[in-house]
């Protein structure tokens, strides 16, 4: 067990990381224009925290500026313990997205697939998503 913990210690180092499990493509509805949402109003300290968190993720290679024609507001929400959670509000994008015809599997099937497993892990222990 200690070998596994050492091998994957980057998963709970406190730094977000990229998980290259699969790629995704978002299909927009026909005749949908790019979404541009203005930033949320917030106190200067919150804007500074957003900038700090975004720069940290850029430095770690988790995100990059692609100069896309879409824009979504971001916010930081305080968590117990004094930390903040950075999130992107993509609700306006969701309104313009073609729904996936293959829904998320039913929870019962997911639990049944675990069988007799006794050890479980969370692939993103840093942010808890």
C-alpha atoms as a PDB file:
ATOM      1  CA  UNK A   1       0.000   0.000   0.000  1.00  0.00           C
ATOM      2  CA  UNK A   2       2.809   2.436   0.852  1.00  0.00           C
ATOM      3  CA  UNK A   3       4.320   1.807  -2.583  1.00  0.00           C
ATOM      4  CA  UNK A   4       1.080   2.855  -4.271  1.00  0.00           C
ATOM      5  CA  UNK A   5       0.804   5.920  -2.077  1.00  0.00           C
ATOM      6  CA  UNK A   6       4.375   6.930  -2.940  1.00  0.00           C
ATOM      7  CA  UNK A   7       3.847   6.252  -6.650  1.00  0.00           C
ATOM      8  CA  UNK A   8       0.760   8.476  -6.818  1.00  0.00           C
ATOM      9  CA  UNK A   9       1.584  11.073  -4.158  1.00  0.00           C
ATOM     10  CA  UNK A  10       1.104  13.856  -6.724  1.00  0.00           C
ATOM     11  CA  UNK A  11      -2.636  13.180  -6.535  1.00  0.00           C
ATOM     12  CA  UNK A  12      -2.840  14.721  -3.062  1.00  0.00           C
ATOM     13  CA  UNK A  13       0.101  17.091  -3.082  1.00  0.00           C
ATOM     14  CA  UNK A  14      -2.220  20.102  -2.949  1.00  0.00           C
ATOM     15  CA  UNK A  15      -1.534  20.950  -6.595  1.00  0.00           C
ATOM     16  CA  UNK A  16      -4.163  20.319  -9.251  1.00  0.00           C
ATOM     17  CA  UNK A  17      -3.020  18.034 -12.017  1.00  0.00           C
ATOM     18  CA  UNK A  18      -4.163  16.900 -15.435  1.00  0.00           C
ATOM     19  CA  UNK A  19      -5.801  13.498 -15.678  1.00  0.00           C
ATOM     20  CA  UNK A  20      -5.453  12.171 -19.231  1.00  0.00           C
ATOM     21  CA  UNK A  21      -8.206   9.569 -19.112  1.00  0.00           C
ATOM     22  CA  UNK A  22     -10.235  10.490 -22.184  1.00  0.00           C
ATOM     23  CA  UNK A  23     -11.014  13.321 -24.532  1.00  0.00           C
ATOM     24  CA  UNK A  24     -14.368  14.959 -24.925  1.00  0.00           C
ATOM     25  CA  UNK A  25     -16.013  16.918 -27.710  1.00  0.00           C
ATOM     26  CA  UNK A  26     -18.827  19.372 -27.038  1.00  0.00           C
ATOM     27  CA  UNK A  27     -21.303  19.540 -29.907  1.00  0.00           C
ATOM     28  CA  UNK A  28     -23.244  22.791 -30.129  1.00  0.00           C
ATOM     29  CA  UNK A  29     -26.789  23.083 -31.454  1.00  0.00           C
ATOM     30  CA  UNK A  30     -27.169  24.240 -35.058  1.00  0.00           C
ATOM     31  CA  UNK A  31     -26.752  27.988 -35.620  1.00  0.00           C
ATOM     32  CA  UNK A  32     -25.398  28.526 -32.105  1.00  0.00           C
ATOM     33  CA  UNK A  33     -23.111  31.501 -31.712  1.00  0.00           C
ATOM     34  CA  UNK A  34     -20.130  31.484 -29.344  1.00  0.00           C
ATOM     35  CA  UNK A  35     -20.991  32.207 -25.737  1.00  0.00           C
ATOM     36  CA  UNK A  36     -19.448  35.245 -24.126  1.00  0.00           C
ATOM     37  CA  UNK A  37     -20.268  35.834 -20.472  1.00  0.00           C
ATOM     38  CA  UNK A  38     -18.933  38.808 -18.577  1.00  0.00           C
ATOM     39  CA  UNK A  39     -17.090  38.172 -15.300  1.00  0.00           C
ATOM     40  CA  UNK A  40     -19.071  38.125 -12.082  1.00  0.00           C
ATOM     41  CA  UNK A  41     -18.959  41.208  -9.883  1.00  0.00           C
ATOM     42  CA  UNK A  42     -16.856  40.591  -6.806  1.00  0.00           C
ATOM     43  CA  UNK A  43     -14.726  42.347  -4.253  1.00  0.00           C
ATOM     44  CA  UNK A  44     -11.147  43.163  -5.322  1.00  0.00           C
ATOM     45  CA  UNK A  45      -9.799  40.443  -2.995  1.00  0.00           C
ATOM     46  CA  UNK A  46     -11.924  37.837  -4.805  1.00  0.00           C
ATOM     47  CA  UNK A  47     -10.667  39.020  -8.201  1.00  0.00           C
ATOM     48  CA  UNK A  48      -7.110  38.734  -6.916  1.00  0.00           C
ATOM     49  CA  UNK A  49      -7.815  35.186  -5.715  1.00  0.00           C
ATOM     50  CA  UNK A  50      -9.273  34.243  -9.137  1.00  0.00           C
ATOM     51  CA  UNK A  51      -6.162  35.620 -10.859  1.00  0.00           C
ATOM     52  CA  UNK A  52      -3.894  33.805  -8.405  1.00  0.00           C
ATOM     53  CA  UNK A  53      -5.692  30.471  -8.840  1.00  0.00           C
ATOM     54  CA  UNK A  54      -5.801  30.801 -12.637  1.00  0.00           C
ATOM     55  CA  UNK A  55      -2.085  31.650 -12.829  1.00  0.00           C
ATOM     56  CA  UNK A  56      -1.284  28.701 -10.570  1.00  0.00           C
ATOM     57  CA  UNK A  57      -3.134  26.341 -12.928  1.00  0.00           C
ATOM     58  CA  UNK A  58      -1.386  27.877 -15.957  1.00  0.00           C
ATOM     59  CA  UNK A  59       1.998  27.400 -14.250  1.00  0.00           C
ATOM     60  CA  UNK A  60       1.153  23.752 -13.484  1.00  0.00           C
ATOM     61  CA  UNK A  61       0.055  23.127 -17.087  1.00  0.00           C
ATOM     62  CA  UNK A  62      -3.507  22.236 -16.102  1.00  0.00           C
ATOM     63  CA  UNK A  63      -5.037  25.035 -18.197  1.00  0.00           C
ATOM     64  CA  UNK A  64      -3.810  27.188 -21.056  1.00  0.00           C
ATOM     65  CA  UNK A  65      -4.991  30.320 -22.808  1.00  0.00           C
ATOM     66  CA  UNK A  66      -6.228  29.297 -26.234  1.00  0.00           C
ATOM     67  CA  UNK A  67      -7.641  32.677 -27.197  1.00  0.00           C
ATOM     68  CA  UNK A  68     -11.040  31.024 -27.708  1.00  0.00           C
ATOM     69  CA  UNK A  69     -14.047  32.991 -28.824  1.00  0.00           C
ATOM     70  CA  UNK A  70     -16.054  31.701 -25.848  1.00  0.00           C
ATOM     71  CA  UNK A  71     -15.818  33.101 -22.348  1.00  0.00           C
ATOM     72  CA  UNK A  72     -17.293  31.898 -19.078  1.00  0.00           C
ATOM     73  CA  UNK A  73     -17.328  33.590 -15.676  1.00  0.00           C
ATOM     74  CA  UNK A  74     -15.236  32.098 -12.905  1.00  0.00           C
ATOM     75  CA  UNK A  75     -15.571  32.384  -9.174  1.00  0.00           C
ATOM     76  CA  UNK A  76     -13.936  31.227  -5.992  1.00  0.00           C
ATOM     77  CA  UNK A  77     -16.056  29.832  -3.180  1.00  0.00           C
ATOM     78  CA  UNK A  78     -14.739  29.590   0.376  1.00  0.00           C
ATOM     79  CA  UNK A  79     -14.402  26.086   1.785  1.00  0.00           C
ATOM     80  CA  UNK A  80     -14.269  25.092   5.438  1.00  0.00           C
ATOM     81  CA  UNK A  81     -10.701  25.469   6.611  1.00  0.00           C
ATOM     82  CA  UNK A  82     -10.025  28.748   4.810  1.00  0.00           C
ATOM     83  CA  UNK A  83      -9.243  27.369   1.340  1.00  0.00           C
ATOM     84  CA  UNK A  84     -11.194  28.375  -1.741  1.00  0.00           C
ATOM     85  CA  UNK A  85     -12.595  26.327  -4.614  1.00  0.00           C
ATOM     86  CA  UNK A  86     -12.149  27.756  -8.115  1.00  0.00           C
ATOM     87  CA  UNK A  87     -14.935  26.967 -10.546  1.00  0.00           C
ATOM     88  CA  UNK A  88     -16.095  27.928 -14.029  1.00  0.00           C
ATOM     89  CA  UNK A  89     -19.809  28.559 -14.640  1.00  0.00           C
ATOM     90  CA  UNK A  90     -20.604  26.883 -17.949  1.00  0.00           C
ATOM     91  CA  UNK A  91     -24.399  26.991 -17.562  1.00  0.00           C
ATOM     92  CA  UNK A  92     -24.849  29.194 -20.655  1.00  0.00           C
ATOM     93  CA  UNK A  93     -22.822  26.682 -22.655  1.00  0.00           C
ATOM     94  CA  UNK A  94     -25.001  23.835 -21.386  1.00  0.00           C
ATOM     95  CA  UNK A  95     -28.084  25.580 -22.806  1.00  0.00           C
ATOM     96  CA  UNK A  96     -26.505  25.497 -26.282  1.00  0.00           C
ATOM     97  CA  UNK A  97     -25.125  21.960 -26.163  1.00  0.00           C
ATOM     98  CA  UNK A  98     -26.599  18.933 -27.917  1.00  0.00           C
ATOM     99  CA  UNK A  99     -27.503  16.448 -25.183  1.00  0.00           C
ATOM    100  CA  UNK A 100     -25.574  13.184 -25.112  1.00  0.00           C
ATOM    101  CA  UNK A 101     -27.754  10.281 -26.225  1.00  0.00           C
ATOM    102  CA  UNK A 102     -25.817   7.976 -23.897  1.00  0.00           C
ATOM    103  CA  UNK A 103     -26.694   9.090 -20.378  1.00  0.00           C
ATOM    104  CA  UNK A 104     -24.569   8.465 -17.321  1.00  0.00           C
ATOM    105  CA  UNK A 105     -24.903   4.827 -16.207  1.00  0.00           C
ATOM    106  CA  UNK A 106     -27.329   4.045 -13.404  1.00  0.00           C
ATOM    107  CA  UNK A 107     -25.756   4.049  -9.965  1.00  0.00           C
ATOM    108  CA  UNK A 108     -26.874   0.459  -9.320  1.00  0.00           C
ATOM    109  CA  UNK A 109     -24.849  -0.766 -12.304  1.00  0.00           C
ATOM    110  CA  UNK A 110     -21.799   1.187 -11.158  1.00  0.00           C
ATOM    111  CA  UNK A 111     -22.009  -0.287  -7.668  1.00  0.00           C
ATOM    112  CA  UNK A 112     -22.547  -3.807  -9.027  1.00  0.00           C
ATOM    113  CA  UNK A 113     -19.414  -3.459 -11.165  1.00  0.00           C
ATOM    114  CA  UNK A 114     -17.314  -3.011  -8.014  1.00  0.00           C
ATOM    115  CA  UNK A 115     -17.916  -6.637  -7.059  1.00  0.00           C
ATOM    116  CA  UNK A 116     -15.973  -7.665  -3.962  1.00  0.00           C
ATOM    117  CA  UNK A 117     -13.513  -4.745  -4.138  1.00  0.00           C
ATOM    118  CA  UNK A 118     -12.400  -3.430  -0.758  1.00  0.00           C
ATOM    119  CA  UNK A 119      -9.991  -0.613  -1.715  1.00  0.00           C
ATOM    120  CA  UNK A 120     -11.234   2.531  -3.469  1.00  0.00           C
ATOM    121  CA  UNK A 121      -9.538   5.757  -4.526  1.00  0.00           C
ATOM    122  CA  UNK A 122     -10.462   9.197  -5.766  1.00  0.00           C
ATOM    123  CA  UNK A 123      -8.513  10.198  -8.905  1.00  0.00           C
ATOM    124  CA  UNK A 124      -8.501  13.886  -7.986  1.00  0.00           C
ATOM    125  CA  UNK A 125      -7.857  14.118  -4.267  1.00  0.00           C
ATOM    126  CA  UNK A 126      -6.509  17.669  -4.585  1.00  0.00           C
ATOM    127  CA  UNK A 127      -9.738  19.370  -5.586  1.00  0.00           C
ATOM    128  CA  UNK A 128     -12.306  16.726  -4.631  1.00  0.00           C
ATOM    129  CA  UNK A 129     -14.196  16.644  -7.946  1.00  0.00           C
END
